[in-house]
Each structure stands twice: as C-alpha cells, then as structure tokens.
Amino acid sequence: MQELTGKQVRHLRGLGHHLKPVVMIGKEEIAPAVLASIEEALNTHELIKVKIQEGCIMDRKDVASALSTETGAAIVQILGKTILLFRRSDDPKIKLS
C-alpha cells in the first residue's frame, strides 16, 4: 500500500467528489465476489468509491481498513457510508505530483 501526501489526498478527493459508487457492500460484507469487483474497478479506474449499505453490520472504518489491506489500495477518504480508495495501476491514468 502506498502512502499519500496531504497534497495528493486533497487532489484525489477533488477528483473523487463527482464519482458515483462502483461497488456496494451489504449484508454479505467483504465476500470474495466483492473483493473481485473492487480489484477490477481499481485496475480500470485507479480511484473508486465504495458505498456501505444498511445491511452491513461492520463499522465503516473496519470495512475501509480491510479493503485497503486486501487490495493494497490507499484510503483517501471515509465520508459517511462512502469510502474513496486509490491504487496506482501499471498504466497510470491519474497524475499525482
């Protein structure tokens, strides 16, 4: 997992503001199918939003930490029930200074 500077985090938050959640976490919580969806989305987009639905009983910070550990993505932001994740791909699409 990569460490992001404050400037990089602010830049990614700005980019992520208009994004729609691409993965929903519900009562299945962090199942292999959910992790596969997140891996695919991170490979495609680098920056994704994950939405925690009402059925999920895990704490949002625990979910974010588990997703970060499992996927190697950095947690950019946890806002309400939405988690913003970033992972640099082999073919970078987002330029970080």
PDB file of N, CA and C in Angstrom:
ATOM      1  N   MET A   1       0.846  -1.184   0.000  1.00  0.00           N
ATOM      2  CA  MET A   1       0.000   0.000   0.000  1.00  0.00           C
ATOM      3  C   MET A   1       0.885   1.240   0.000  1.00  0.00           C
ATOM      4  N   GLN A   2       0.485   2.208  -0.753  1.00  0.00           N
ATOM      5  CA  GLN A   2       1.296   3.418  -0.870  1.00  0.00           C
ATOM      6  C   GLN A   2       0.810   4.492   0.095  1.00  0.00           C
ATOM      7  N   GLU A   3       1.747   5.290   0.558  1.00  0.00           N
ATOM      8  CA  GLU A   3       1.418   6.428   1.407  1.00  0.00           C
ATOM      9  C   GLU A   3       1.199   7.646   0.511  1.00  0.00           C
ATOM     10  N   LEU A   4       0.173   8.403   0.828  1.00  0.00           N
ATOM     11  CA  LEU A   4      -0.138   9.607   0.058  1.00  0.00           C
ATOM     12  C   LEU A   4       0.178  10.841   0.885  1.00  0.00           C
ATOM     13  N   THR A   5       0.679  11.862   0.243  1.00  0.00           N
ATOM     14  CA  THR A   5       0.915  13.136   0.924  1.00  0.00           C
ATOM     15  C   THR A   5      -0.412  13.871   1.067  1.00  0.00           C
ATOM     16  N   GLY A   6      -0.426  14.893   1.908  1.00  0.00           N
ATOM     17  CA  GLY A   6      -1.641  15.694   2.093  1.00  0.00           C
ATOM     18  C   GLY A   6      -2.103  16.328   0.798  1.00  0.00           C
ATOM     19  N   LYS A   7      -1.155  16.791   0.011  1.00  0.00           N
ATOM     20  CA  LYS A   7      -1.483  17.417  -1.270  1.00  0.00           C
ATOM     21  C   LYS A   7      -2.120  16.400  -2.218  1.00  0.00           C
ATOM     22  N   GLN A   8      -1.572  15.184  -2.250  1.00  0.00           N
ATOM     23  CA  GLN A   8      -2.124  14.137  -3.115  1.00  0.00           C
ATOM     24  C   GLN A   8      -3.529  13.749  -2.667  1.00  0.00           C
ATOM     25  N   VAL A   9      -3.736  13.651  -1.355  1.00  0.00           N
ATOM     26  CA  VAL A   9      -5.060  13.308  -0.827  1.00  0.00           C
ATOM     27  C   VAL A   9      -6.077  14.376  -1.227  1.00  0.00           C
ATOM     28  N   ARG A  10      -5.724  15.645  -1.086  1.00  0.00           N
ATOM     29  CA  ARG A  10      -6.648  16.722  -1.475  1.00  0.00           C
ATOM     30  C   ARG A  10      -6.985  16.660  -2.960  1.00  0.00           C
ATOM     31  N   HIS A  11      -5.973  16.389  -3.779  1.00  0.00           N
ATOM     32  CA  HIS A  11      -6.188  16.276  -5.219  1.00  0.00           C
ATOM     33  C   HIS A  11      -7.141  15.114  -5.531  1.00  0.00           C
ATOM     34  N   LEU A  12      -6.917  13.965  -4.912  1.00  0.00           N
ATOM     35  CA  LEU A  12      -7.760  12.788  -5.155  1.00  0.00           C
ATOM     36  C   LEU A  12      -9.183  13.003  -4.643  1.00  0.00           C
ATOM     37  N   ARG A  13      -9.328  13.681  -3.509  1.00  0.00           N
ATOM     38  CA  ARG A  13     -10.677  13.990  -3.008  1.00  0.00           C
ATOM     39  C   ARG A  13     -11.443  14.846  -4.008  1.00  0.00           C
ATOM     40  N   GLY A  14     -10.745  15.814  -4.592  1.00  0.00           N
ATOM     41  CA  GLY A  14     -11.372  16.662  -5.601  1.00  0.00           C
ATOM     42  C   GLY A  14     -11.807  15.856  -6.811  1.00  0.00           C
ATOM     43  N   LEU A  15     -10.950  14.938  -7.249  1.00  0.00           N
ATOM     44  CA  LEU A  15     -11.299  14.086  -8.394  1.00  0.00           C
ATOM     45  C   LEU A  15     -12.439  13.131  -8.053  1.00  0.00           C
ATOM     46  N   GLY A  16     -12.464  12.659  -6.819  1.00  0.00           N
ATOM     47  CA  GLY A  16     -13.459  11.671  -6.416  1.00  0.00           C
ATOM     48  C   GLY A  16     -14.810  12.250  -6.079  1.00  0.00           C
ATOM     49  N   HIS A  17     -14.872  13.578  -5.912  1.00  0.00           N
ATOM     50  CA  HIS A  17     -16.126  14.214  -5.490  1.00  0.00           C
ATOM     51  C   HIS A  17     -17.299  13.865  -6.400  1.00  0.00           C
ATOM     52  N   HIS A  18     -17.087  13.880  -7.705  1.00  0.00           N
ATOM     53  CA  HIS A  18     -18.192  13.671  -8.648  1.00  0.00           C
ATOM     54  C   HIS A  18     -18.420  12.196  -9.001  1.00  0.00           C
ATOM     55  N   LEU A  19     -17.568  11.301  -8.505  1.00  0.00           N
ATOM     56  CA  LEU A  19     -17.699   9.884  -8.843  1.00  0.00           C
ATOM     57  C   LEU A  19     -18.925   9.263  -8.188  1.00  0.00           C
ATOM     58  N   LYS A  20     -19.493   8.299  -8.868  1.00  0.00           N
ATOM     59  CA  LYS A  20     -20.585   7.503  -8.312  1.00  0.00           C
ATOM     60  C   LYS A  20     -19.970   6.219  -7.736  1.00  0.00           C
ATOM     61  N   PRO A  21     -20.567   5.668  -6.666  1.00  0.00           N
ATOM     62  CA  PRO A  21     -20.046   4.413  -6.114  1.00  0.00           C
ATOM     63  C   PRO A  21     -20.113   3.294  -7.153  1.00  0.00           C
ATOM     64  N   VAL A  22     -19.019   2.530  -7.284  1.00  0.00           N
ATOM     65  CA  VAL A  22     -18.992   1.441  -8.259  1.00  0.00           C
ATOM     66  C   VAL A  22     -19.203   0.080  -7.600  1.00  0.00           C
ATOM     67  N   VAL A  23     -19.024   0.009  -6.292  1.00  0.00           N
ATOM     68  CA  VAL A  23     -19.223  -1.245  -5.559  1.00  0.00           C
ATOM     69  C   VAL A  23     -20.041  -0.937  -4.313  1.00  0.00           C
ATOM     70  N   MET A  24     -21.024  -1.803  -4.032  1.00  0.00           N
ATOM     71  CA  MET A  24     -21.851  -1.664  -2.835  1.00  0.00           C
ATOM     72  C   MET A  24     -21.529  -2.817  -1.886  1.00  0.00           C
ATOM     73  N   ILE A  25     -21.389  -2.496  -0.611  1.00  0.00           N
ATOM     74  CA  ILE A  25     -21.137  -3.529   0.392  1.00  0.00           C
ATOM     75  C   ILE A  25     -22.375  -3.626   1.266  1.00  0.00           C
ATOM     76  N   GLY A  26     -22.996  -4.802   1.264  1.00  0.00           N
ATOM     77  CA  GLY A  26     -24.224  -5.008   2.019  1.00  0.00           C
ATOM     78  C   GLY A  26     -24.050  -6.080   3.066  1.00  0.00           C
ATOM     79  N   LYS A  27     -25.086  -6.915   3.244  1.00  0.00           N
ATOM     80  CA  LYS A  27     -25.054  -7.914   4.302  1.00  0.00           C
ATOM     81  C   LYS A  27     -24.017  -9.013   4.067  1.00  0.00           C
ATOM     82  N   GLU A  28     -23.573  -9.193   2.820  1.00  0.00           N
ATOM     83  CA  GLU A  28     -22.518 -10.173   2.532  1.00  0.00           C
ATOM     84  C   GLU A  28     -21.170  -9.682   3.042  1.00  0.00           C
ATOM     85  N   GLU A  29     -21.088  -8.381   3.320  1.00  0.00           N
ATOM     86  CA  GLU A  29     -19.879  -7.701   3.767  1.00  0.00           C
ATOM     87  C   GLU A  29     -18.732  -7.920   2.782  1.00  0.00           C
ATOM     88  N   ILE A  30     -17.549  -8.292   3.243  1.00  0.00           N
ATOM     89  CA  ILE A  30     -16.390  -8.364   2.344  1.00  0.00           C
ATOM     90  C   ILE A  30     -16.231  -9.808   1.851  1.00  0.00           C
ATOM     91  N   ALA A  31     -17.073 -10.183   0.914  1.00  0.00           N
ATOM     92  CA  ALA A  31     -17.042 -11.519   0.311  1.00  0.00           C
ATOM     93  C   ALA A  31     -16.038 -11.532  -0.844  1.00  0.00           C
ATOM     94  N   PRO A  32     -15.580 -12.716  -1.248  1.00  0.00           N
ATOM     95  CA  PRO A  32     -14.645 -12.798  -2.384  1.00  0.00           C
ATOM     96  C   PRO A  32     -15.167 -12.123  -3.656  1.00  0.00           C
ATOM     97  N   ALA A  33     -16.460 -12.206  -3.911  1.00  0.00           N
ATOM     98  CA  ALA A  33     -17.025 -11.571  -5.106  1.00  0.00           C
ATOM     99  C   ALA A  33     -16.906 -10.053  -5.021  1.00  0.00           C
ATOM    100  N   VAL A  34     -17.091  -9.497  -3.824  1.00  0.00           N
ATOM    101  CA  VAL A  34     -16.968  -8.053  -3.623  1.00  0.00           C
ATOM    102  C   VAL A  34     -15.515  -7.629  -3.839  1.00  0.00           C
ATOM    103  N   LEU A  35     -14.577  -8.401  -3.292  1.00  0.00           N
ATOM    104  CA  LEU A  35     -13.155  -8.092  -3.469  1.00  0.00           C
ATOM    105  C   LEU A  35     -12.758  -8.163  -4.939  1.00  0.00           C
ATOM    106  N   ALA A  36     -13.298  -9.134  -5.668  1.00  0.00           N
ATOM    107  CA  ALA A  36     -13.005  -9.260  -7.099  1.00  0.00           C
ATOM    108  C   ALA A  36     -13.525  -8.042  -7.851  1.00  0.00           C
ATOM    109  N   SER A  37     -14.708  -7.561  -7.490  1.00  0.00           N
ATOM    110  CA  SER A  37     -15.276  -6.369  -8.127  1.00  0.00           C
ATOM    111  C   SER A  37     -14.424  -5.140  -7.847  1.00  0.00           C
ATOM    112  N   ILE A  38     -13.953  -5.018  -6.613  1.00  0.00           N
ATOM    113  CA  ILE A  38     -13.118  -3.871  -6.238  1.00  0.00           C
ATOM    114  C   ILE A  38     -11.784  -3.932  -6.964  1.00  0.00           C
ATOM    115  N   GLU A  39     -11.185  -5.123  -7.044  1.00  0.00           N
ATOM    116  CA  GLU A  39      -9.911  -5.288  -7.768  1.00  0.00           C
ATOM    117  C   GLU A  39     -10.064  -4.844  -9.226  1.00  0.00           C
ATOM    118  N   GLU A  40     -11.134  -5.310  -9.860  1.00  0.00           N
ATOM    119  CA  GLU A  40     -11.381  -4.971 -11.266  1.00  0.00           C
ATOM    120  C   GLU A  40     -11.583  -3.468 -11.445  1.00  0.00           C
ATOM    121  N   ALA A  41     -12.367  -2.866 -10.541  1.00  0.00           N
ATOM    122  CA  ALA A  41     -12.631  -1.422 -10.623  1.00  0.00           C
ATOM    123  C   ALA A  41     -11.351  -0.616 -10.404  1.00  0.00           C
ATOM    124  N   LEU A  42     -10.517  -1.038  -9.451  1.00  0.00           N
ATOM    125  CA  LEU A  42      -9.258  -0.326  -9.195  1.00  0.00           C
ATOM    126  C   LEU A  42      -8.310  -0.446 -10.385  1.00  0.00           C
ATOM    127  N   ASN A  43      -8.268  -1.624 -11.006  1.00  0.00           N
ATOM    128  CA  ASN A  43      -7.416  -1.810 -12.180  1.00  0.00           C
ATOM    129  C   ASN A  43      -7.867  -0.924 -13.333  1.00  0.00           C
ATOM    130  N   THR A  44      -9.166  -0.730 -13.447  1.00  0.00           N
ATOM    131  CA  THR A  44      -9.720   0.061 -14.536  1.00  0.00           C
ATOM    132  C   THR A  44      -9.629   1.562 -14.266  1.00  0.00           C
ATOM    133  N   HIS A  45      -9.990   1.977 -13.050  1.00  0.00           N
ATOM    134  CA  HIS A  45     -10.165   3.406 -12.767  1.00  0.00           C
ATOM    135  C   HIS A  45      -9.124   4.034 -11.844  1.00  0.00           C
ATOM    136  N   GLU A  46      -8.437   3.258 -11.039  1.00  0.00           N
ATOM    137  CA  GLU A  46      -7.477   3.721 -10.021  1.00  0.00           C
ATOM    138  C   GLU A  46      -8.149   4.365  -8.813  1.00  0.00           C
ATOM    139  N   LEU A  47      -9.142   5.207  -9.024  1.00  0.00           N
ATOM    140  CA  LEU A  47      -9.833   5.902  -7.937  1.00  0.00           C
ATOM    141  C   LEU A  47     -11.301   5.494  -7.970  1.00  0.00           C
ATOM    142  N   ILE A  48     -11.779   4.884  -6.881  1.00  0.00           N
ATOM    143  CA  ILE A  48     -13.171   4.411  -6.864  1.00  0.00           C
ATOM    144  C   ILE A  48     -13.849   4.765  -5.546  1.00  0.00           C
ATOM    145  N   LYS A  49     -15.178   4.821  -5.608  1.00  0.00           N
ATOM    146  CA  LYS A  49     -15.991   4.978  -4.412  1.00  0.00           C
ATOM    147  C   LYS A  49     -16.667   3.653  -4.107  1.00  0.00           C
ATOM    148  N   VAL A  50     -16.697   3.311  -2.829  1.00  0.00           N
ATOM    149  CA  VAL A  50     -17.378   2.111  -2.346  1.00  0.00           C
ATOM    150  C   VAL A  50     -18.436   2.577  -1.352  1.00  0.00           C
ATOM    151  N   LYS A  51     -19.656   2.118  -1.532  1.00  0.00           N
ATOM    152  CA  LYS A  51     -20.769   2.534  -0.670  1.00  0.00           C
ATOM    153  C   LYS A  51     -21.124   1.398   0.288  1.00  0.00           C
ATOM    154  N   ILE A  52     -21.254   1.717   1.565  1.00  0.00           N
ATOM    155  CA  ILE A  52     -21.677   0.733   2.558  1.00  0.00           C
ATOM    156  C   ILE A  52     -23.182   0.881   2.736  1.00  0.00           C
ATOM    157  N   GLN A  53     -23.895  -0.216   2.509  1.00  0.00           N
ATOM    158  CA  GLN A  53     -25.360  -0.168   2.609  1.00  0.00           C
ATOM    159  C   GLN A  53     -25.810  -0.513   4.026  1.00  0.00           C
ATOM    160  N   GLU A  54     -27.091  -0.321   4.271  1.00  0.00           N
ATOM    161  CA  GLU A  54     -27.652  -0.521   5.614  1.00  0.00           C
ATOM    162  C   GLU A  54     -27.450  -1.924   6.163  1.00  0.00           C
ATOM    163  N   GLY A  55     -27.440  -2.945   5.281  1.00  0.00           N
ATOM    164  CA  GLY A  55     -27.337  -4.325   5.732  1.00  0.00           C
ATOM    165  C   GLY A  55     -25.981  -4.700   6.306  1.00  0.00           C
ATOM    166  N   CYS A  56     -24.980  -3.922   6.062  1.00  0.00           N
ATOM    167  CA  CYS A  56     -23.620  -4.218   6.535  1.00  0.00           C
ATOM    168  C   CYS A  56     -23.509  -3.871   8.018  1.00  0.00           C
ATOM    169  N   ILE A  57     -23.106  -4.854   8.835  1.00  0.00           N
ATOM    170  CA  ILE A  57     -23.020  -4.605  10.275  1.00  0.00           C
ATOM    171  C   ILE A  57     -21.608  -4.212  10.726  1.00  0.00           C
ATOM    172  N   MET A  58     -20.632  -4.323   9.827  1.00  0.00           N
ATOM    173  CA  MET A  58     -19.266  -3.913  10.171  1.00  0.00           C
ATOM    174  C   MET A  58     -19.170  -2.391  10.271  1.00  0.00           C
ATOM    175  N   ASP A  59     -18.271  -1.908  11.107  1.00  0.00           N
ATOM    176  CA  ASP A  59     -18.013  -0.476  11.209  1.00  0.00           C
ATOM    177  C   ASP A  59     -17.352   0.005   9.917  1.00  0.00           C
ATOM    178  N   ARG A  60     -17.663   1.210   9.502  1.00  0.00           N
ATOM    179  CA  ARG A  60     -17.153   1.725   8.227  1.00  0.00           C
ATOM    180  C   ARG A  60     -15.629   1.797   8.203  1.00  0.00           C
ATOM    181  N   LYS A  61     -15.010   2.118   9.327  1.00  0.00           N
ATOM    182  CA  LYS A  61     -13.549   2.193   9.382  1.00  0.00           C
ATOM    183  C   LYS A  61     -12.929   0.800   9.280  1.00  0.00           C
ATOM    184  N   ASP A  62     -13.604  -0.193   9.858  1.00  0.00           N
ATOM    185  CA  ASP A  62     -13.128  -1.579   9.747  1.00  0.00           C
ATOM    186  C   ASP A  62     -13.235  -2.065   8.306  1.00  0.00           C
ATOM    187  N   VAL A  63     -14.325  -1.709   7.636  1.00  0.00           N
ATOM    188  CA  VAL A  63     -14.516  -2.076   6.232  1.00  0.00           C
ATOM    189  C   VAL A  63     -13.411  -1.439   5.383  1.00  0.00           C
ATOM    190  N   ALA A  64     -13.168  -0.150   5.584  1.00  0.00           N
ATOM    191  CA  ALA A  64     -12.144   0.562   4.816  1.00  0.00           C
ATOM    192  C   ALA A  64     -10.773  -0.056   5.042  1.00  0.00           C
ATOM    193  N   SER A  65     -10.451  -0.351   6.285  1.00  0.00           N
ATOM    194  CA  SER A  65      -9.160  -0.943   6.619  1.00  0.00           C
ATOM    195  C   SER A  65      -8.999  -2.320   5.976  1.00  0.00           C
ATOM    196  N   ALA A  66     -10.048  -3.134   6.041  1.00  0.00           N
ATOM    197  CA  ALA A  66      -9.999  -4.472   5.449  1.00  0.00           C
ATOM    198  C   ALA A  66      -9.842  -4.394   3.929  1.00  0.00           C
ATOM    199  N   LEU A  67     -10.586  -3.495   3.290  1.00  0.00           N
ATOM    200  CA  LEU A  67     -10.485  -3.342   1.836  1.00  0.00           C
ATOM    201  C   LEU A  67      -9.087  -2.863   1.446  1.00  0.00           C
ATOM    202  N   SER A  68      -8.546  -1.935   2.205  1.00  0.00           N
ATOM    203  CA  SER A  68      -7.210  -1.420   1.935  1.00  0.00           C
ATOM    204  C   SER A  68      -6.172  -2.532   2.049  1.00  0.00           C
ATOM    205  N   THR A  69      -6.279  -3.335   3.091  1.00  0.00           N
ATOM    206  CA  THR A  69      -5.340  -4.432   3.307  1.00  0.00           C
ATOM    207  C   THR A  69      -5.449  -5.482   2.208  1.00  0.00           C
ATOM    208  N   GLU A  70      -6.673  -5.848   1.860  1.00  0.00           N
ATOM    209  CA  GLU A  70      -6.900  -6.914   0.871  1.00  0.00           C
ATOM    210  C   GLU A  70      -6.504  -6.506  -0.548  1.00  0.00           C
ATOM    211  N   THR A  71      -6.689  -5.228  -0.883  1.00  0.00           N
ATOM    212  CA  THR A  71      -6.455  -4.798  -2.269  1.00  0.00           C
ATOM    213  C   THR A  71      -5.155  -4.017  -2.457  1.00  0.00           C
ATOM    214  N   GLY A  72      -4.542  -3.599  -1.371  1.00  0.00           N
ATOM    215  CA  GLY A  72      -3.333  -2.786  -1.484  1.00  0.00           C
ATOM    216  C   GLY A  72      -3.622  -1.354  -1.880  1.00  0.00           C
ATOM    217  N   ALA A  73      -4.871  -0.927  -1.711  1.00  0.00           N
ATOM    218  CA  ALA A  73      -5.270   0.434  -2.073  1.00  0.00           C
ATOM    219  C   ALA A  73      -5.137   1.357  -0.869  1.00  0.00           C
ATOM    220  N   ALA A  74      -4.911   2.633  -1.150  1.00  0.00           N
ATOM    221  CA  ALA A  74      -4.847   3.640  -0.095  1.00  0.00           C
ATOM    222  C   ALA A  74      -6.248   4.173   0.176  1.00  0.00           C
ATOM    223  N   ILE A  75      -6.561   4.394   1.450  1.00  0.00           N
ATOM    224  CA  ILE A  75      -7.837   5.017   1.819  1.00  0.00           C
ATOM    225  C   ILE A  75      -7.647   6.526   1.671  1.00  0.00           C
ATOM    226  N   VAL A  76      -8.376   7.107   0.732  1.00  0.00           N
ATOM    227  CA  VAL A  76      -8.277   8.543   0.508  1.00  0.00           C
ATOM    228  C   VAL A  76      -9.213   9.279   1.464  1.00  0.00           C
ATOM    229  N   GLN A  77     -10.426   8.730   1.626  1.00  0.00           N
ATOM    230  CA  GLN A  77     -11.419   9.414   2.451  1.00  0.00           C
ATOM    231  C   GLN A  77     -12.492   8.434   2.894  1.00  0.00           C
ATOM    232  N   ILE A  78     -12.986   8.646   4.113  1.00  0.00           N
ATOM    233  CA  ILE A  78     -14.180   7.951   4.600  1.00  0.00           C
ATOM    234  C   ILE A  78     -15.151   9.057   4.972  1.00  0.00           C
ATOM    235  N   LEU A  79     -16.235   9.139   4.236  1.00  0.00           N
ATOM    236  CA  LEU A  79     -17.210  10.196   4.462  1.00  0.00           C
ATOM    237  C   LEU A  79     -18.586   9.553   4.564  1.00  0.00           C
ATOM    238  N   GLY A  80     -19.147   9.560   5.757  1.00  0.00           N
ATOM    239  CA  GLY A  80     -20.424   8.890   5.963  1.00  0.00           C
ATOM    240  C   GLY A  80     -20.267   7.415   5.682  1.00  0.00           C
ATOM    241  N   LYS A  81     -21.085   6.893   4.792  1.00  0.00           N
ATOM    242  CA  LYS A  81     -21.031   5.472   4.430  1.00  0.00           C
ATOM    243  C   LYS A  81     -20.302   5.252   3.107  1.00  0.00           C
ATOM    244  N   THR A  82     -19.500   6.224   2.695  1.00  0.00           N
ATOM    245  CA  THR A  82     -18.783   6.140   1.425  1.00  0.00           C
ATOM    246  C   THR A  82     -17.280   6.141   1.678  1.00  0.00           C
ATOM    247  N   ILE A  83     -16.587   5.225   1.001  1.00  0.00           N
ATOM    248  CA  ILE A  83     -15.131   5.105   1.115  1.00  0.00           C
ATOM    249  C   ILE A  83     -14.534   5.394  -0.254  1.00  0.00           C
ATOM    250  N   LEU A  84     -13.503   6.234  -0.274  1.00  0.00           N
ATOM    251  CA  LEU A  84     -12.801   6.560  -1.503  1.00  0.00           C
ATOM    252  C   LEU A  84     -11.441   5.859  -1.460  1.00  0.00           C
ATOM    253  N   LEU A  85     -11.191   4.978  -2.436  1.00  0.00           N
ATOM    254  CA  LEU A  85      -9.954   4.200  -2.491  1.00  0.00           C
ATOM    255  C   LEU A  85      -9.148   4.555  -3.730  1.00  0.00           C
ATOM    256  N   PHE A  86      -7.829   4.509  -3.591  1.00  0.00           N
ATOM    257  CA  PHE A  86      -6.938   4.785  -4.715  1.00  0.00           C
ATOM    258  C   PHE A  86      -5.824   3.751  -4.755  1.00  0.00           C
ATOM    259  N   ARG A  87      -5.575   3.235  -5.947  1.00  0.00           N
ATOM    260  CA  ARG A  87      -4.425   2.362  -6.161  1.00  0.00           C
ATOM    261  C   ARG A  87      -3.869   2.625  -7.552  1.00  0.00           C
ATOM    262  N   ARG A  88      -2.584   2.964  -7.613  1.00  0.00           N
ATOM    263  CA  ARG A  88      -1.906   3.227  -8.879  1.00  0.00           C
ATOM    264  C   ARG A  88      -1.908   1.944  -9.719  1.00  0.00           C
ATOM    265  N   SER A  89      -2.256   2.056 -10.994  1.00  0.00           N
ATOM    266  CA  SER A  89      -2.231   0.896 -11.888  1.00  0.00           C
ATOM    267  C   SER A  89      -0.911   0.890 -12.664  1.00  0.00           C
ATOM    268  N   ASP A  90      -0.680  -0.181 -13.412  1.00  0.00           N
ATOM    269  CA  ASP A  90       0.537  -0.295 -14.206  1.00  0.00           C
ATOM    270  C   ASP A  90       0.597   0.779 -15.285  1.00  0.00           C
ATOM    271  N   ASP A  91      -0.583   1.197 -15.752  1.00  0.00           N
ATOM    272  CA  ASP A  91      -0.684   2.254 -16.760  1.00  0.00           C
ATOM    273  C   ASP A  91      -1.384   3.449 -16.103  1.00  0.00           C
ATOM    274  N   PRO A  92      -0.646   4.317 -15.368  1.00  0.00           N
ATOM    275  CA  PRO A  92      -1.269   5.384 -14.577  1.00  0.00           C
ATOM    276  C   PRO A  92      -2.177   6.304 -15.406  1.00  0.00           C
ATOM    277  N   LYS A  93      -3.369   6.545 -14.866  1.00  0.00           N
ATOM    278  CA  LYS A  93      -4.330   7.435 -15.506  1.00  0.00           C
ATOM    279  C   LYS A  93      -4.416   8.771 -14.758  1.00  0.00           C
ATOM    280  N   ILE A  94      -4.144   8.731 -13.451  1.00  0.00           N
ATOM    281  CA  ILE A  94      -4.223   9.929 -12.626  1.00  0.00           C
ATOM    282  C   ILE A  94      -2.808  10.392 -12.317  1.00  0.00           C
ATOM    283  N   LYS A  95      -2.559  11.655 -12.605  1.00  0.00           N
ATOM    284  CA  LYS A  95      -1.213  12.217 -12.371  1.00  0.00           C
ATOM    285  C   LYS A  95      -1.155  12.791 -10.957  1.00  0.00           C
ATOM    286  N   LEU A  96      -0.236  12.261 -10.153  1.00  0.00           N
ATOM    287  CA  LEU A  96      -0.020  12.778  -8.810  1.00  0.00           C
ATOM    288  C   LEU A  96       1.333  13.484  -8.772  1.00  0.00           C
ATOM    289  N   SER A  97       1.365  14.651  -8.137  1.00  0.00           N
ATOM    290  CA  SER A  97       2.632  15.374  -8.047  1.00  0.00           C
ATOM    291  C   SER A  97       3.445  14.907  -6.858  1.00  0.00           C
TER     292      SER A  97
END
